[in-house]
């Protein structure tokens, strides 16, 4: 959704590249160009809130970690392996 000749020129350069390092260099330049042009500005306003117990560790409100907005599982293959319970803290809190 951006009409920018400089940005458009990066794709054929990346396709014609002869090495992984050359592609990385082109993509780095493209990313820098995008950042400098401010094509989008994120205001970082939360769209939802997550409430969880303090003994649940590794979870910091990641969107889609438990379920999607519709309540169906989403990204369950990725996040749960990174969560754990602090059983000592849970016991200290009387649970």
N, C-alpha and C. Protein backbone atom coordinates (compact mmCIF):
# COMPACT_ATOMS: atom_id res chain seq x y z
N UNK A 1 0.82 -1.19 0.00
CA UNK A 1 0.00 0.00 0.00
C UNK A 1 0.86 1.26 0.00
N UNK A 2 2.10 1.12 -0.46
CA UNK A 2 3.01 2.25 -0.55
C UNK A 2 3.53 2.33 -1.97
N UNK A 3 3.48 3.52 -2.54
CA UNK A 3 4.02 3.73 -3.87
C UNK A 3 5.33 4.50 -3.72
N UNK A 4 6.44 3.78 -3.72
CA UNK A 4 7.74 4.39 -3.49
C UNK A 4 8.76 3.72 -4.41
N UNK A 5 9.30 4.45 -5.35
CA UNK A 5 10.22 3.90 -6.35
C UNK A 5 11.49 3.34 -5.71
N UNK A 6 11.98 4.01 -4.68
CA UNK A 6 13.20 3.53 -4.00
C UNK A 6 12.92 2.18 -3.35
N UNK A 7 11.80 2.07 -2.66
CA UNK A 7 11.44 0.81 -2.02
C UNK A 7 11.21 -0.29 -3.06
N UNK A 8 10.53 0.05 -4.14
CA UNK A 8 10.25 -0.93 -5.19
C UNK A 8 11.53 -1.48 -5.82
N UNK A 9 12.59 -0.69 -5.85
CA UNK A 9 13.85 -1.11 -6.48
C UNK A 9 14.58 -2.18 -5.68
N UNK A 10 14.26 -2.34 -4.41
CA UNK A 10 14.96 -3.33 -3.59
C UNK A 10 14.60 -4.77 -3.98
N UNK A 11 13.38 -5.03 -4.40
CA UNK A 11 12.96 -6.40 -4.71
C UNK A 11 13.77 -7.00 -5.86
N UNK A 12 13.86 -6.33 -7.03
CA UNK A 12 14.66 -6.95 -8.09
C UNK A 12 16.14 -7.10 -7.72
N UNK A 13 16.64 -6.19 -6.90
CA UNK A 13 18.03 -6.32 -6.44
C UNK A 13 18.20 -7.58 -5.59
N UNK A 14 17.25 -7.82 -4.69
CA UNK A 14 17.33 -8.99 -3.82
C UNK A 14 17.19 -10.28 -4.63
N UNK A 15 16.32 -10.28 -5.62
CA UNK A 15 16.13 -11.47 -6.46
C UNK A 15 17.40 -11.77 -7.27
N UNK A 16 18.07 -10.72 -7.73
CA UNK A 16 19.27 -10.90 -8.55
C UNK A 16 20.53 -11.15 -7.72
N UNK A 17 20.44 -11.05 -6.42
CA UNK A 17 21.62 -11.22 -5.56
C UNK A 17 22.20 -12.62 -5.71
N UNK A 18 23.52 -12.70 -5.55
CA UNK A 18 24.22 -13.98 -5.74
C UNK A 18 24.65 -14.64 -4.44
N UNK A 19 24.39 -14.00 -3.31
CA UNK A 19 24.79 -14.61 -2.04
C UNK A 19 23.82 -14.18 -0.94
N UNK A 20 23.84 -14.96 0.12
CA UNK A 20 23.00 -14.64 1.27
C UNK A 20 23.41 -13.30 1.89
N UNK A 21 24.71 -13.06 1.95
CA UNK A 21 25.19 -11.80 2.50
C UNK A 21 24.71 -10.61 1.69
N UNK A 22 24.68 -10.76 0.37
CA UNK A 22 24.20 -9.68 -0.49
C UNK A 22 22.71 -9.42 -0.26
N UNK A 23 21.94 -10.48 -0.11
CA UNK A 23 20.50 -10.33 0.17
C UNK A 23 20.31 -9.64 1.51
N UNK A 24 21.07 -10.04 2.54
CA UNK A 24 20.97 -9.41 3.85
C UNK A 24 21.28 -7.91 3.76
N UNK A 25 22.29 -7.57 2.99
CA UNK A 25 22.67 -6.16 2.83
C UNK A 25 21.54 -5.37 2.18
N UNK A 26 20.91 -5.94 1.17
CA UNK A 26 19.80 -5.28 0.46
C UNK A 26 18.60 -5.14 1.39
N UNK A 27 18.26 -6.20 2.11
CA UNK A 27 17.11 -6.14 3.02
C UNK A 27 17.36 -5.17 4.17
N UNK A 28 18.59 -5.11 4.64
CA UNK A 28 18.93 -4.15 5.70
C UNK A 28 18.71 -2.72 5.19
N UNK A 29 19.14 -2.46 3.95
CA UNK A 29 18.95 -1.13 3.36
C UNK A 29 17.47 -0.83 3.16
N UNK A 30 16.70 -1.84 2.73
CA UNK A 30 15.26 -1.66 2.53
C UNK A 30 14.58 -1.35 3.86
N UNK A 31 14.93 -2.11 4.90
CA UNK A 31 14.33 -1.87 6.22
C UNK A 31 14.67 -0.49 6.75
N UNK A 32 15.91 -0.05 6.53
CA UNK A 32 16.30 1.29 6.97
C UNK A 32 15.51 2.35 6.22
N UNK A 33 15.32 2.15 4.91
CA UNK A 33 14.55 3.10 4.11
C UNK A 33 13.11 3.19 4.63
N UNK A 34 12.51 2.03 4.90
CA UNK A 34 11.14 1.98 5.42
C UNK A 34 11.04 2.73 6.74
N UNK A 35 12.00 2.49 7.63
CA UNK A 35 11.99 3.15 8.95
C UNK A 35 12.13 4.66 8.81
N UNK A 36 12.97 5.10 7.90
CA UNK A 36 13.20 6.54 7.72
C UNK A 36 12.01 7.24 7.06
N UNK A 37 11.22 6.51 6.28
CA UNK A 37 10.08 7.11 5.59
C UNK A 37 8.84 7.19 6.47
N UNK A 38 8.82 6.45 7.55
CA UNK A 38 7.66 6.44 8.47
C UNK A 38 6.36 6.13 7.71
N UNK A 39 6.37 5.03 6.95
CA UNK A 39 5.17 4.63 6.22
C UNK A 39 4.02 4.33 7.17
N UNK A 40 4.34 3.87 8.35
CA UNK A 40 3.31 3.58 9.36
C UNK A 40 3.84 4.00 10.72
N UNK A 41 2.96 4.49 11.54
CA UNK A 41 3.33 4.88 12.89
C UNK A 41 2.44 4.10 13.86
N UNK A 42 3.06 3.31 14.70
CA UNK A 42 2.31 2.53 15.67
C UNK A 42 2.14 3.35 16.94
N UNK A 43 0.92 3.51 17.36
CA UNK A 43 0.65 4.25 18.58
C UNK A 43 0.65 3.35 19.81
N UNK A 44 0.78 2.06 19.58
CA UNK A 44 0.90 1.07 20.65
C UNK A 44 -0.23 1.12 21.67
N UNK A 45 -1.42 1.41 21.22
CA UNK A 45 -2.55 1.39 22.14
C UNK A 45 -3.05 -0.04 22.28
N UNK A 46 -3.24 -0.50 23.51
CA UNK A 46 -3.64 -1.90 23.69
C UNK A 46 -5.06 -2.14 23.19
N UNK A 47 -5.23 -3.24 22.51
CA UNK A 47 -6.56 -3.61 22.03
C UNK A 47 -7.24 -4.58 22.97
N UNK A 48 -6.47 -5.13 23.89
CA UNK A 48 -7.04 -6.07 24.85
C UNK A 48 -6.15 -6.10 26.10
N UNK A 49 -6.66 -6.73 27.13
CA UNK A 49 -5.91 -6.84 28.37
C UNK A 49 -5.86 -8.30 28.78
N UNK A 50 -4.79 -8.69 29.43
CA UNK A 50 -4.64 -10.06 29.92
C UNK A 50 -4.49 -10.03 31.43
N UNK A 51 -5.24 -10.87 32.09
CA UNK A 51 -5.15 -10.99 33.54
C UNK A 51 -4.72 -12.43 33.82
N UNK A 52 -3.66 -12.56 34.62
CA UNK A 52 -3.15 -13.89 34.92
C UNK A 52 -2.51 -13.88 36.29
N UNK A 53 -2.30 -15.05 36.84
CA UNK A 53 -1.74 -15.19 38.17
C UNK A 53 -0.25 -14.85 38.16
N UNK A 54 0.26 -14.25 39.24
CA UNK A 54 1.68 -13.88 39.27
C UNK A 54 2.63 -15.06 39.25
N UNK A 55 2.15 -16.25 39.58
CA UNK A 55 3.03 -17.41 39.56
C UNK A 55 3.16 -18.03 38.16
N UNK A 56 2.39 -17.51 37.20
CA UNK A 56 2.56 -17.95 35.82
C UNK A 56 3.72 -17.15 35.23
N UNK A 57 4.81 -17.79 34.95
CA UNK A 57 6.00 -17.12 34.46
C UNK A 57 6.18 -17.38 32.96
N UNK A 58 6.83 -16.45 32.30
CA UNK A 58 7.06 -16.58 30.86
C UNK A 58 5.94 -15.99 30.02
N UNK A 59 4.83 -15.68 30.65
CA UNK A 59 3.69 -15.08 29.95
C UNK A 59 3.63 -13.60 30.30
N UNK A 60 3.57 -12.78 29.28
CA UNK A 60 3.53 -11.34 29.49
C UNK A 60 2.43 -10.70 28.64
N UNK A 61 1.33 -11.43 28.47
CA UNK A 61 0.20 -10.90 27.73
C UNK A 61 0.33 -11.01 26.23
N UNK A 62 1.15 -11.93 25.73
CA UNK A 62 1.33 -12.07 24.29
C UNK A 62 0.00 -12.34 23.61
N UNK A 63 -0.32 -11.54 22.61
CA UNK A 63 -1.58 -11.70 21.89
C UNK A 63 -1.62 -13.06 21.23
N UNK A 64 -2.73 -13.75 21.39
CA UNK A 64 -2.91 -15.04 20.74
C UNK A 64 -2.20 -16.18 21.43
N UNK A 65 -1.60 -15.94 22.60
CA UNK A 65 -0.85 -17.00 23.27
C UNK A 65 -1.77 -18.10 23.77
N UNK A 66 -2.96 -17.76 24.17
CA UNK A 66 -3.87 -18.75 24.72
C UNK A 66 -5.06 -18.95 23.79
N UNK A 67 -5.67 -17.87 23.33
CA UNK A 67 -6.77 -17.98 22.39
C UNK A 67 -6.90 -16.68 21.60
N UNK A 68 -7.58 -16.76 20.49
CA UNK A 68 -7.79 -15.57 19.67
C UNK A 68 -8.95 -14.77 20.23
N UNK A 69 -9.23 -13.64 19.63
CA UNK A 69 -10.33 -12.80 20.07
C UNK A 69 -11.67 -13.55 20.03
N UNK A 70 -11.76 -14.51 19.10
CA UNK A 70 -12.99 -15.28 18.98
C UNK A 70 -13.05 -16.43 19.97
N UNK A 71 -11.98 -16.63 20.73
CA UNK A 71 -11.96 -17.69 21.73
C UNK A 71 -11.40 -19.01 21.25
N UNK A 72 -10.97 -19.06 20.01
CA UNK A 72 -10.43 -20.32 19.49
C UNK A 72 -8.91 -20.37 19.69
N UNK A 73 -8.33 -21.56 19.81
CA UNK A 73 -6.88 -21.67 20.00
C UNK A 73 -6.12 -21.00 18.86
N UNK A 74 -5.07 -20.30 19.22
CA UNK A 74 -4.26 -19.62 18.22
C UNK A 74 -2.83 -19.60 18.73
N UNK A 75 -1.90 -19.99 17.93
CA UNK A 75 -0.48 -20.02 18.27
C UNK A 75 -0.18 -20.90 19.48
N UNK A 76 -1.05 -21.87 19.75
CA UNK A 76 -0.81 -22.74 20.90
C UNK A 76 0.43 -23.59 20.71
N UNK A 77 0.84 -23.79 19.47
CA UNK A 77 2.04 -24.58 19.19
C UNK A 77 3.30 -23.83 19.61
N UNK A 78 3.24 -22.52 19.75
CA UNK A 78 4.42 -21.71 19.96
C UNK A 78 4.64 -21.29 21.41
N UNK A 79 3.63 -20.76 22.05
CA UNK A 79 3.82 -20.13 23.35
C UNK A 79 3.86 -21.05 24.57
N UNK A 80 2.97 -22.01 24.74
CA UNK A 80 2.92 -22.74 26.02
C UNK A 80 4.24 -23.36 26.45
N UNK A 81 5.10 -23.72 25.53
CA UNK A 81 6.38 -24.30 25.92
C UNK A 81 7.25 -23.29 26.64
N UNK A 82 6.89 -22.03 26.58
CA UNK A 82 7.67 -20.97 27.21
C UNK A 82 7.06 -20.51 28.54
N UNK A 83 5.98 -21.12 28.97
CA UNK A 83 5.34 -20.77 30.23
C UNK A 83 5.72 -21.79 31.30
N UNK A 84 5.75 -21.35 32.55
CA UNK A 84 5.97 -22.26 33.65
C UNK A 84 5.36 -21.67 34.92
N UNK A 85 5.15 -22.53 35.90
CA UNK A 85 4.60 -22.10 37.19
C UNK A 85 5.73 -21.99 38.20
N UNK A 86 5.72 -20.90 38.96
CA UNK A 86 6.62 -20.74 40.10
C UNK A 86 5.87 -21.32 41.29
N UNK A 87 6.09 -22.61 41.56
CA UNK A 87 5.34 -23.30 42.61
C UNK A 87 5.64 -22.74 43.99
N UNK A 88 6.86 -22.26 44.22
CA UNK A 88 7.19 -21.67 45.52
C UNK A 88 6.38 -20.40 45.75
N UNK A 89 6.31 -19.53 44.73
CA UNK A 89 5.53 -18.30 44.86
C UNK A 89 4.05 -18.62 45.05
N UNK A 90 3.56 -19.60 44.32
CA UNK A 90 2.15 -19.99 44.44
C UNK A 90 1.86 -20.44 45.88
N UNK A 91 2.77 -21.24 46.45
CA UNK A 91 2.60 -21.74 47.82
C UNK A 91 2.66 -20.57 48.81
N UNK A 92 3.61 -19.62 48.61
CA UNK A 92 3.73 -18.46 49.49
C UNK A 92 2.45 -17.62 49.49
N UNK A 93 1.75 -17.59 48.36
CA UNK A 93 0.53 -16.81 48.24
C UNK A 93 -0.69 -17.56 48.75
N UNK A 94 -0.47 -18.77 49.26
CA UNK A 94 -1.56 -19.52 49.88
C UNK A 94 -2.40 -20.33 48.92
N UNK A 95 -1.84 -20.70 47.80
CA UNK A 95 -2.59 -21.50 46.83
C UNK A 95 -1.95 -22.85 46.63
